[in-house]
Structure formats: C-alpha cells, structure tokens
Amino acid sequence: MMAVQAQSPLLGAQDLIENGWVNQSFFDLQQQQQQQIQNQQHMYQNQAQNLLFSNSLKNNMVDTNNSLPSMTFYQSIAAQEEKQRQEMDQYIRLQNERLRLMLREQRKQQLGIVLKKIELTALPLLRQKDEELAQATKRAMELEDLLKRLEMENQAWQRIAQENEAMVASLNNTLVQLTDNNGGKAEDAESCCDVDGEKKTEMNRENQTMMVCRGCKSRNSCVLFLPCRHFCSCEACEPFLDSCPICNTVKNASIEVLL
C-alpha cells in the first residue's frame, strides 16, 4: 500500500516528462550548444583560412622578390603550413572535447534541477499520505479495541442474565415449596380430628416460631435472604441485617415475598 501511495505523487512529474517538457528543454539546450560548437568551428576554420591566405601572400612576395627560389625553401614553407594545420586541427579537437564535456555537465545539472523540483513537489504529498495512513491505522486499532470491549461486556451481560434466570427459577421453586408446606400443614390440621388440643397448639406455636422475624421477633417474616434463601426477616428489620440471622451467611440481596 505504501508503494502505491509513494508512486502516486510522482504521476504529475511523470506526465510532465511524458508530455515532452523536460525533453524539449534538453533538446533546446543541446541545439544551442551545438550551434555554439558550429560557430566556433567556423571561426577556427576562418582563422586557418586567413592564416593560409597570409602565408600565401608571403609566399607570393617571396616569389616576386626572388625569381628563382630554391626547392628547400618551398619544402620548408609546406612543412610549416602542415604543422600549423595539424596544430589547428588539434586545437579544434580539444575545443570539441571541451564543449562535449560542458554539454554533458549541463545536461546533468538540468536533470538534477528537474529531479529536485519533482522531489520538492512529491515529498509534501508523501508526508500527507503517510499521516493519513497513520491516522487510519490508529482509528482501526481503536475500533478493534472497542469491538473487543463490547464483546466482553456482551458476554458479561449474558452471564448475569443466566445467573438471574437461575436465581428466579430457584426462588420460584422455593415459593412453591413454602406454599405446599403451608397448605399441607393446614390440610393435616383440618383432617386430623383425633389430635388433641395440646398437639394442635404445639404445632401452631412451631409454625408461628418459623414465620416470626428473627430480628424483632414480633412481626412475621416476609423477606427472603440471598444466597442462603432463608425466610427469616420482616420488611422493617431487613435493612439493618447484613447477614442471615439463621446461618450467618453474608447477605448479597433480598426479596420481599407476599404470602
């Protein structure tokens, strides 16, 4: 992904190069430098021609003054002209090599300038893309953390809901058992006609003792303690009891039961 984004800011510069802007600049510069070389070559050739013409005039003057020059003199003049021509050719070659090196150096400088401009244009875009990528990565990590927390909270709520469902089912069973026990005792009391008065009184006393509040010992119990599930307190005493009066289990919650 970073490679694609690093290439994208260079598209504008690549378009400039493909459209011929850089090539046209180099072509114009090369034409100018070639024209300079040609001008210098023409100048050197003109100088050589002038020199040859001057030597020719001198030779004519010598021929006029000396009607019968010696062969050695002509050979000396020819050798001197050949030497001057070779020196001129060597000088032209040196100048051509110098101009060629100058052209290559100028092309290198021009290319460096173009690349520098491209770099100055591309670097801010690359930095901007890097910042956007860093922000997107940070946002993605934050969303992943949030998703993990939500999943953990969802699991916790599901566990609490299951515990509450189990607690409600257990309380319903307890209430059913209490209702059945009270109903069975009432039916037994009514059906047993042969039980004497003392026994009935004792059973009623035991029932009242089981239903009496263990806190004030005067009101009937109507609150069920959790988690021990003992039916042992009235509504008034329940806020003042931190543990079950029967088994001393620490109270986590309580439920009022209407009988």
C-alpha atoms as a PDB file:
ATOM      1  CA  MET A   1       0.000   0.000   0.000  1.00  0.00           C
ATOM      2  CA  MET A   2       2.855   2.371   0.843  1.00  0.00           C
ATOM      3  CA  ALA A   3       4.484   1.661  -2.523  1.00  0.00           C
ATOM      4  CA  VAL A   4       1.322   2.621  -4.402  1.00  0.00           C
ATOM      5  CA  GLN A   5       0.979   5.797  -2.384  1.00  0.00           C
ATOM      6  CA  ALA A   6       4.668   6.668  -2.908  1.00  0.00           C
ATOM      7  CA  GLN A   7       4.247   6.388  -6.656  1.00  0.00           C
ATOM      8  CA  SER A   8       1.042   8.418  -6.848  1.00  0.00           C
ATOM      9  CA  PRO A   9       2.620  11.868  -6.109  1.00  0.00           C
ATOM     10  CA  LEU A  10       5.146  11.325  -8.930  1.00  0.00           C
ATOM     11  CA  LEU A  11       2.417  10.955 -11.531  1.00  0.00           C
ATOM     12  CA  GLY A  12       2.307  14.700 -12.126  1.00  0.00           C
ATOM     13  CA  ALA A  13       6.053  14.859 -12.743  1.00  0.00           C
ATOM     14  CA  GLN A  14       5.908  11.771 -14.921  1.00  0.00           C
ATOM     15  CA  ASP A  15       3.196  13.419 -17.002  1.00  0.00           C
ATOM     16  CA  LEU A  16       5.449  16.468 -17.441  1.00  0.00           C
ATOM     17  CA  ILE A  17       8.262  14.263 -18.674  1.00  0.00           C
ATOM     18  CA  GLU A  18       5.952  12.211 -20.914  1.00  0.00           C
ATOM     19  CA  ASN A  19       4.446  15.402 -22.341  1.00  0.00           C
ATOM     20  CA  GLY A  20       7.889  16.469 -23.531  1.00  0.00           C
ATOM     21  CA  TRP A  21       8.550  19.398 -21.222  1.00  0.00           C
ATOM     22  CA  VAL A  22      11.865  18.070 -19.922  1.00  0.00           C
ATOM     23  CA  ASN A  23      12.854  16.587 -23.291  1.00  0.00           C
ATOM     24  CA  GLN A  24      12.084  19.887 -25.044  1.00  0.00           C
ATOM     25  CA  SER A  25      14.269  21.782 -22.550  1.00  0.00           C
ATOM     26  CA  PHE A  26      17.158  19.381 -23.105  1.00  0.00           C
ATOM     27  CA  PHE A  27      16.628  19.500 -26.883  1.00  0.00           C
ATOM     28  CA  ASP A  28      16.685  23.309 -26.929  1.00  0.00           C
ATOM     29  CA  LEU A  29      19.793  23.374 -24.758  1.00  0.00           C
ATOM     30  CA  GLN A  30      21.533  20.813 -26.966  1.00  0.00           C
ATOM     31  CA  GLN A  31      20.669  22.786 -30.106  1.00  0.00           C
ATOM     32  CA  GLN A  32      22.085  25.949 -28.569  1.00  0.00           C
ATOM     33  CA  GLN A  33      25.295  24.199 -27.565  1.00  0.00           C
ATOM     34  CA  GLN A  34      25.669  22.535 -30.966  1.00  0.00           C
ATOM     35  CA  GLN A  35      25.181  25.941 -32.603  1.00  0.00           C
ATOM     36  CA  GLN A  36      27.953  27.297 -30.375  1.00  0.00           C
ATOM     37  CA  ILE A  37      30.236  24.444 -31.438  1.00  0.00           C
ATOM     38  CA  GLN A  38      29.488  25.065 -35.103  1.00  0.00           C
ATOM     39  CA  ASN A  39      30.138  28.799 -34.692  1.00  0.00           C
ATOM     40  CA  GLN A  40      33.463  28.116 -33.025  1.00  0.00           C
ATOM     41  CA  GLN A  41      34.399  25.602 -35.729  1.00  0.00           C
ATOM     42  CA  HIS A  42      33.578  28.178 -38.410  1.00  0.00           C
ATOM     43  CA  MET A  43      35.645  30.734 -36.549  1.00  0.00           C
ATOM     44  CA  TYR A  44      38.603  28.344 -36.318  1.00  0.00           C
ATOM     45  CA  GLN A  45      38.277  27.451 -39.982  1.00  0.00           C
ATOM     46  CA  ASN A  46      38.185  31.145 -40.933  1.00  0.00           C
ATOM     47  CA  GLN A  47      41.273  31.734 -38.829  1.00  0.00           C
ATOM     48  CA  ALA A  48      43.007  28.824 -40.546  1.00  0.00           C
ATOM     49  CA  GLN A  49      41.999  30.109 -43.977  1.00  0.00           C
ATOM     50  CA  ASN A  50      43.206  33.618 -43.105  1.00  0.00           C
ATOM     51  CA  LEU A  51      46.459  32.150 -41.898  1.00  0.00           C
ATOM     52  CA  LEU A  52      46.870  30.139 -45.097  1.00  0.00           C
ATOM     53  CA  PHE A  53      45.979  33.189 -47.166  1.00  0.00           C
ATOM     54  CA  SER A  54      48.520  35.258 -45.248  1.00  0.00           C
ATOM     55  CA  ASN A  55      51.161  32.603 -45.816  1.00  0.00           C
ATOM     56  CA  SER A  56      50.232  32.506 -49.493  1.00  0.00           C
ATOM     57  CA  LEU A  57      50.684  36.272 -49.741  1.00  0.00           C
ATOM     58  CA  LYS A  58      54.030  35.973 -48.056  1.00  0.00           C
ATOM     59  CA  ASN A  59      54.996  33.250 -50.491  1.00  0.00           C
ATOM     60  CA  ASN A  60      53.941  35.415 -53.422  1.00  0.00           C
ATOM     61  CA  MET A  61      56.016  38.251 -52.070  1.00  0.00           C
ATOM     62  CA  VAL A  62      58.956  35.934 -51.705  1.00  0.00           C
ATOM     63  CA  ASP A  63      58.400  34.679 -55.255  1.00  0.00           C
ATOM     64  CA  THR A  64      58.325  38.262 -56.517  1.00  0.00           C
ATOM     65  CA  ASN A  65      61.489  39.264 -54.706  1.00  0.00           C
ATOM     66  CA  ASN A  66      63.287  36.041 -55.507  1.00  0.00           C
ATOM     67  CA  SER A  67      62.587  34.950 -59.010  1.00  0.00           C
ATOM     68  CA  LEU A  68      64.370  31.662 -58.566  1.00  0.00           C
ATOM     69  CA  PRO A  69      63.647  30.311 -55.011  1.00  0.00           C
ATOM     70  CA  SER A  70      65.259  27.121 -54.018  1.00  0.00           C
ATOM     71  CA  MET A  71      63.370  23.834 -53.573  1.00  0.00           C
ATOM     72  CA  THR A  72      64.400  23.726 -49.918  1.00  0.00           C
ATOM     73  CA  PHE A  73      62.586  26.972 -49.223  1.00  0.00           C
ATOM     74  CA  TYR A  74      59.329  25.648 -50.720  1.00  0.00           C
ATOM     75  CA  GLN A  75      59.615  22.466 -48.681  1.00  0.00           C
ATOM     76  CA  SER A  76      60.144  24.484 -45.525  1.00  0.00           C
ATOM     77  CA  ILE A  77      57.059  26.578 -46.234  1.00  0.00           C
ATOM     78  CA  ALA A  78      54.962  23.450 -46.938  1.00  0.00           C
ATOM     79  CA  ALA A  79      56.169  21.792 -43.730  1.00  0.00           C
ATOM     80  CA  GLN A  80      55.348  24.909 -41.739  1.00  0.00           C
ATOM     81  CA  GLU A  81      51.850  25.071 -43.230  1.00  0.00           C
ATOM     82  CA  GLU A  82      51.270  21.369 -42.477  1.00  0.00           C
ATOM     83  CA  LYS A  83      52.405  21.898 -38.915  1.00  0.00           C
ATOM     84  CA  GLN A  84      50.099  24.868 -38.495  1.00  0.00           C
ATOM     85  CA  ARG A  85      47.220  22.877 -39.982  1.00  0.00           C
ATOM     86  CA  GLN A  86      47.840  19.981 -37.578  1.00  0.00           C
ATOM     87  CA  GLU A  87      48.050  22.363 -34.639  1.00  0.00           C
ATOM     88  CA  MET A  88      44.777  23.970 -35.714  1.00  0.00           C
ATOM     89  CA  ASP A  89      43.090  20.556 -36.064  1.00  0.00           C
ATOM     90  CA  GLN A  90      44.335  19.526 -32.640  1.00  0.00           C
ATOM     91  CA  TYR A  91      43.103  22.768 -31.148  1.00  0.00           C
ATOM     92  CA  ILE A  92      39.679  22.249 -32.746  1.00  0.00           C
ATOM     93  CA  ARG A  93      39.542  18.676 -31.418  1.00  0.00           C
ATOM     94  CA  LEU A  94      40.408  19.872 -27.924  1.00  0.00           C
ATOM     95  CA  GLN A  95      37.732  22.535 -28.104  1.00  0.00           C
ATOM     96  CA  ASN A  96      35.186  19.984 -29.345  1.00  0.00           C
ATOM     97  CA  GLU A  97      36.034  17.649 -26.450  1.00  0.00           C
ATOM     98  CA  ARG A  98      35.781  20.525 -24.020  1.00  0.00           C
ATOM     99  CA  LEU A  99      32.385  21.535 -25.385  1.00  0.00           C
ATOM    100  CA  ARG A 100      31.217  17.918 -25.254  1.00  0.00           C
ATOM    101  CA  LEU A 101      32.149  17.716 -21.573  1.00  0.00           C
ATOM    102  CA  MET A 102      30.434  21.029 -20.926  1.00  0.00           C
ATOM    103  CA  LEU A 103      27.277  19.765 -22.635  1.00  0.00           C
ATOM    104  CA  ARG A 104      27.278  16.600 -20.572  1.00  0.00           C
ATOM    105  CA  GLU A 105      27.779  18.556 -17.357  1.00  0.00           C
ATOM    106  CA  GLN A 106      24.995  20.987 -18.266  1.00  0.00           C
ATOM    107  CA  ARG A 107      22.635  18.113 -19.061  1.00  0.00           C
ATOM    108  CA  LYS A 108      23.483  16.580 -15.709  1.00  0.00           C
ATOM    109  CA  GLN A 109      22.785  19.871 -13.932  1.00  0.00           C
ATOM    110  CA  GLN A 110      19.495  20.346 -15.778  1.00  0.00           C
ATOM    111  CA  LEU A 111      18.410  16.812 -14.888  1.00  0.00           C
ATOM    112  CA  GLY A 112      19.365  17.418 -11.257  1.00  0.00           C
ATOM    113  CA  ILE A 113      17.264  20.608 -11.199  1.00  0.00           C
ATOM    114  CA  VAL A 114      14.258  18.794 -12.665  1.00  0.00           C
ATOM    115  CA  LEU A 115      14.601  15.917 -10.188  1.00  0.00           C
ATOM    116  CA  LYS A 116      14.933  18.409  -7.317  1.00  0.00           C
ATOM    117  CA  LYS A 117      11.705  20.129  -8.370  1.00  0.00           C
ATOM    118  CA  ILE A 118       9.952  16.770  -8.611  1.00  0.00           C
ATOM    119  CA  GLU A 119      11.240  15.816  -5.163  1.00  0.00           C
ATOM    120  CA  LEU A 120      10.117  19.105  -3.621  1.00  0.00           C
ATOM    121  CA  THR A 121       6.656  18.585  -5.093  1.00  0.00           C
ATOM    122  CA  ALA A 122       6.389  14.917  -4.133  1.00  0.00           C
ATOM    123  CA  LEU A 123       7.726  14.993  -0.560  1.00  0.00           C
ATOM    124  CA  PRO A 124       4.823  17.011   0.948  1.00  0.00           C
ATOM    125  CA  LEU A 125       2.345  14.699  -0.750  1.00  0.00           C
ATOM    126  CA  LEU A 126       4.179  11.645   0.555  1.00  0.00           C
ATOM    127  CA  ARG A 127       4.206  13.057   4.088  1.00  0.00           C
ATOM    128  CA  GLN A 128       0.495  13.823   3.836  1.00  0.00           C
ATOM    129  CA  LYS A 129      -0.249  10.287   2.661  1.00  0.00           C
ATOM    130  CA  ASP A 130       1.863   8.835   5.486  1.00  0.00           C
ATOM    131  CA  GLU A 131      -0.037  10.915   8.054  1.00  0.00           C
ATOM    132  CA  GLU A 132      -3.376   9.832   6.608  1.00  0.00           C
ATOM    133  CA  LEU A 133      -2.274   6.195   6.704  1.00  0.00           C
ATOM    134  CA  ALA A 134      -1.110   6.536  10.326  1.00  0.00           C
ATOM    135  CA  GLN A 135      -4.438   8.098  11.332  1.00  0.00           C
ATOM    136  CA  ALA A 136      -6.384   5.366   9.543  1.00  0.00           C
ATOM    137  CA  THR A 137      -4.296   2.678  11.254  1.00  0.00           C
ATOM    138  CA  LYS A 138      -4.815   4.302  14.653  1.00  0.00           C
ATOM    139  CA  ARG A 139      -8.559   4.560  14.056  1.00  0.00           C
ATOM    140  CA  ALA A 140      -8.709   0.898  13.018  1.00  0.00           C
ATOM    141  CA  MET A 141      -6.900  -0.146  16.212  1.00  0.00           C
ATOM    142  CA  GLU A 142      -9.289   1.945  18.320  1.00  0.00           C
ATOM    143  CA  LEU A 143     -12.275   0.322  16.623  1.00  0.00           C
ATOM    144  CA  GLU A 144     -10.801  -3.137  17.225  1.00  0.00           C
ATOM    145  CA  ASP A 145     -10.316  -2.348  20.932  1.00  0.00           C
ATOM    146  CA  LEU A 146     -13.877  -1.026  21.159  1.00  0.00           C
ATOM    147  CA  LEU A 147     -15.209  -4.166  19.487  1.00  0.00           C
ATOM    148  CA  LYS A 148     -13.306  -6.367  21.953  1.00  0.00           C
ATOM    149  CA  ARG A 149     -14.687  -4.404  24.923  1.00  0.00           C
ATOM    150  CA  LEU A 150     -18.223  -4.661  23.563  1.00  0.00           C
ATOM    151  CA  GLU A 151     -17.831  -8.406  23.105  1.00  0.00           C
ATOM    152  CA  MET A 152     -16.566  -8.784  26.678  1.00  0.00           C
ATOM    153  CA  GLU A 153     -19.450  -6.677  28.016  1.00  0.00           C
ATOM    154  CA  ASN A 154     -21.914  -8.720  25.984  1.00  0.00           C
ATOM    155  CA  GLN A 155     -20.544 -11.947  27.437  1.00  0.00           C
ATOM    156  CA  ALA A 156     -20.707 -10.481  30.956  1.00  0.00           C
ATOM    157  CA  TRP A 157     -24.337  -9.418  30.485  1.00  0.00           C
ATOM    158  CA  GLN A 158     -25.218 -12.842  29.116  1.00  0.00           C
ATOM    159  CA  ARG A 159     -23.628 -14.472  32.166  1.00  0.00           C
ATOM    160  CA  ILE A 160     -25.534 -12.141  34.512  1.00  0.00           C
ATOM    161  CA  ALA A 161     -28.776 -12.851  32.678  1.00  0.00           C
ATOM    162  CA  GLN A 162     -28.218 -16.594  33.004  1.00  0.00           C
ATOM    163  CA  GLU A 163     -27.471 -16.222  36.718  1.00  0.00           C
ATOM    164  CA  ASN A 164     -30.610 -14.129  37.185  1.00  0.00           C
ATOM    165  CA  GLU A 165     -32.691 -16.687  35.327  1.00  0.00           C
ATOM    166  CA  ALA A 166     -31.297 -19.447  37.539  1.00  0.00           C
ATOM    167  CA  MET A 167     -31.984 -17.350  40.637  1.00  0.00           C
ATOM    168  CA  VAL A 168     -35.581 -16.652  39.565  1.00  0.00           C
ATOM    169  CA  ALA A 169     -36.153 -20.341  38.891  1.00  0.00           C
ATOM    170  CA  SER A 170     -34.726 -21.240  42.292  1.00  0.00           C
ATOM    171  CA  LEU A 171     -36.893 -18.632  44.037  1.00  0.00           C
ATOM    172  CA  ASN A 172     -39.965 -19.901  42.250  1.00  0.00           C
ATOM    173  CA  ASN A 173     -39.177 -23.419  43.435  1.00  0.00           C
ATOM    174  CA  THR A 174     -38.680 -22.144  46.988  1.00  0.00           C
ATOM    175  CA  LEU A 175     -42.001 -20.285  46.928  1.00  0.00           C
ATOM    176  CA  VAL A 176     -43.771 -23.351  45.581  1.00  0.00           C
ATOM    177  CA  GLN A 177     -42.270 -25.477  48.344  1.00  0.00           C
ATOM    178  CA  LEU A 178     -43.275 -22.955  51.017  1.00  0.00           C
ATOM    179  CA  THR A 179     -46.788 -22.772  49.643  1.00  0.00           C
ATOM    180  CA  ASP A 180     -47.054 -26.551  49.509  1.00  0.00           C
ATOM    181  CA  ASN A 181     -45.757 -26.916  53.061  1.00  0.00           C
ATOM    182  CA  ASN A 182     -48.214 -24.368  54.453  1.00  0.00           C
ATOM    183  CA  GLY A 183     -51.106 -25.911  52.529  1.00  0.00           C
ATOM    184  CA  GLY A 184     -50.175 -29.422  53.619  1.00  0.00           C
ATOM    185  CA  LYS A 185     -49.952 -28.403  57.241  1.00  0.00           C
ATOM    186  CA  ALA A 186     -53.375 -26.731  57.108  1.00  0.00           C
ATOM    187  CA  GLU A 187     -54.927 -29.777  55.474  1.00  0.00           C
ATOM    188  CA  ASP A 188     -53.345 -32.082  58.034  1.00  0.00           C
ATOM    189  CA  ALA A 189     -54.639 -29.908  60.847  1.00  0.00           C
ATOM    190  CA  GLU A 190     -58.179 -29.981  59.498  1.00  0.00           C
ATOM    191  CA  SER A 191     -58.232 -33.702  58.636  1.00  0.00           C
ATOM    192  CA  CYS A 192     -56.790 -34.970  61.898  1.00  0.00           C
ATOM    193  CA  CYS A 193     -59.814 -34.672  64.104  1.00  0.00           C
ATOM    194  CA  ASP A 194     -58.474 -37.111  66.680  1.00  0.00           C
ATOM    195  CA  VAL A 195     -55.434 -34.948  67.577  1.00  0.00           C
ATOM    196  CA  ASP A 196     -55.791 -33.435  70.987  1.00  0.00           C
ATOM    197  CA  GLY A 197     -55.661 -29.744  71.759  1.00  0.00           C
ATOM    198  CA  GLU A 198     -52.138 -29.711  73.131  1.00  0.00           C
ATOM    199  CA  LYS A 199     -50.670 -31.170  69.975  1.00  0.00           C
ATOM    200  CA  LYS A 200     -52.518 -28.649  67.808  1.00  0.00           C
ATOM    201  CA  THR A 201     -51.341 -25.811  69.989  1.00  0.00           C
ATOM    202  CA  GLU A 202     -47.738 -27.018  69.814  1.00  0.00           C
ATOM    203  CA  MET A 203     -47.835 -27.266  66.016  1.00  0.00           C
ATOM    204  CA  ASN A 204     -49.302 -23.795  65.727  1.00  0.00           C
ATOM    205  CA  ARG A 205     -46.601 -22.493  68.025  1.00  0.00           C
ATOM    206  CA  GLU A 206     -43.866 -24.101  65.914  1.00  0.00           C
ATOM    207  CA  ASN A 207     -45.340 -22.631  62.741  1.00  0.00           C
ATOM    208  CA  GLN A 208     -45.516 -19.231  64.304  1.00  0.00           C
ATOM    209  CA  THR A 209     -41.933 -19.593  65.514  1.00  0.00           C
ATOM    210  CA  MET A 210     -40.766 -20.452  61.976  1.00  0.00           C
ATOM    211  CA  MET A 211     -42.630 -17.497  60.466  1.00  0.00           C
ATOM    212  CA  VAL A 212     -41.634 -14.919  63.073  1.00  0.00           C
ATOM    213  CA  CYS A 213     -38.968 -12.327  62.218  1.00  0.00           C
ATOM    214  CA  ARG A 214     -35.544 -13.250  63.619  1.00  0.00           C
ATOM    215  CA  GLY A 215     -34.746  -9.601  64.083  1.00  0.00           C
ATOM    216  CA  CYS A 216     -37.600  -8.101  66.086  1.00  0.00           C
ATOM    217  CA  LYS A 217     -39.244 -11.451  66.953  1.00  0.00           C
ATOM    218  CA  SER A 218     -42.655  -9.854  66.784  1.00  0.00           C
ATOM    219  CA  ARG A 219     -43.633  -9.443  63.126  1.00  0.00           C
ATOM    220  CA  ASN A 220     -43.999 -12.202  60.558  1.00  0.00           C
ATOM    221  CA  SER A 221     -41.156 -12.881  58.142  1.00  0.00           C
ATOM    222  CA  CYS A 222     -41.763 -11.660  54.596  1.00  0.00           C
ATOM    223  CA  VAL A 223     -38.211 -11.231  53.212  1.00  0.00           C
ATOM    224  CA  LEU A 224     -36.074 -13.975  51.635  1.00  0.00           C
ATOM    225  CA  PHE A 225     -32.304 -13.616  52.081  1.00  0.00           C
ATOM    226  CA  LEU A 226     -29.879 -14.473  49.246  1.00  0.00           C
ATOM    227  CA  PRO A 227     -27.828 -16.520  48.607  1.00  0.00           C
ATOM    228  CA  CYS A 228     -28.797 -18.702  51.599  1.00  0.00           C
ATOM    229  CA  ARG A 229     -32.562 -18.462  50.734  1.00  0.00           C
ATOM    230  CA  HIS A 230     -33.715 -18.332  54.362  1.00  0.00           C
ATOM    231  CA  PHE A 231     -37.121 -16.766  55.032  1.00  0.00           C
ATOM    232  CA  CYS A 232     -36.166 -15.013  58.267  1.00  0.00           C
ATOM    233  CA  SER A 233     -36.847 -11.261  58.396  1.00  0.00           C
ATOM    234  CA  CYS A 234     -39.635  -8.737  58.234  1.00  0.00           C
ATOM    235  CA  GLU A 235     -39.611  -5.735  55.944  1.00  0.00           C
ATOM    236  CA  ALA A 236     -38.680  -3.325  58.750  1.00  0.00           C
ATOM    237  CA  CYS A 237     -35.695  -5.295  60.030  1.00  0.00           C
ATOM    238  CA  GLU A 238     -34.221  -6.308  56.665  1.00  0.00           C
ATOM    239  CA  PRO A 239     -32.247  -3.043  56.025  1.00  0.00           C
ATOM    240  CA  PHE A 240     -30.459  -3.441  59.393  1.00  0.00           C
ATOM    241  CA  LEU A 241     -29.358  -7.045  58.832  1.00  0.00           C
ATOM    242  CA  ASP A 242     -26.110  -7.591  56.913  1.00  0.00           C
ATOM    243  CA  SER A 243     -26.161 -11.370  57.281  1.00  0.00           C
ATOM    244  CA  CYS A 244     -28.724 -14.115  57.652  1.00  0.00           C
ATOM    245  CA  PRO A 245     -29.876 -14.494  61.326  1.00  0.00           C
ATOM    246  CA  ILE A 246     -30.201 -18.258  60.861  1.00  0.00           C
ATOM    247  CA  CYS A 247     -26.907 -19.283  59.162  1.00  0.00           C
ATOM    248  CA  ASN A 248     -24.878 -16.031  59.411  1.00  0.00           C
ATOM    249  CA  THR A 249     -24.247 -16.014  55.651  1.00  0.00           C
ATOM    250  CA  VAL A 250     -23.432 -12.551  54.308  1.00  0.00           C
ATOM    251  CA  LYS A 251     -26.468 -11.085  52.556  1.00  0.00           C
ATOM    252  CA  ASN A 252     -25.968 -10.295  48.863  1.00  0.00           C
ATOM    253  CA  ALA A 253     -29.577  -9.475  48.070  1.00  0.00           C
ATOM    254  CA  SER A 254     -33.094  -9.875  49.439  1.00  0.00           C
ATOM    255  CA  ILE A 255     -36.564 -10.372  48.001  1.00  0.00           C
ATOM    256  CA  GLU A 256     -39.880  -9.486  49.603  1.00  0.00           C
ATOM    257  CA  VAL A 257     -42.393 -12.332  49.369  1.00  0.00           C
ATOM    258  CA  LEU A 258     -46.132 -11.716  49.572  1.00  0.00           C
ATOM    259  CA  LEU A 259     -47.904 -14.645  51.242  1.00  0.00           C
END
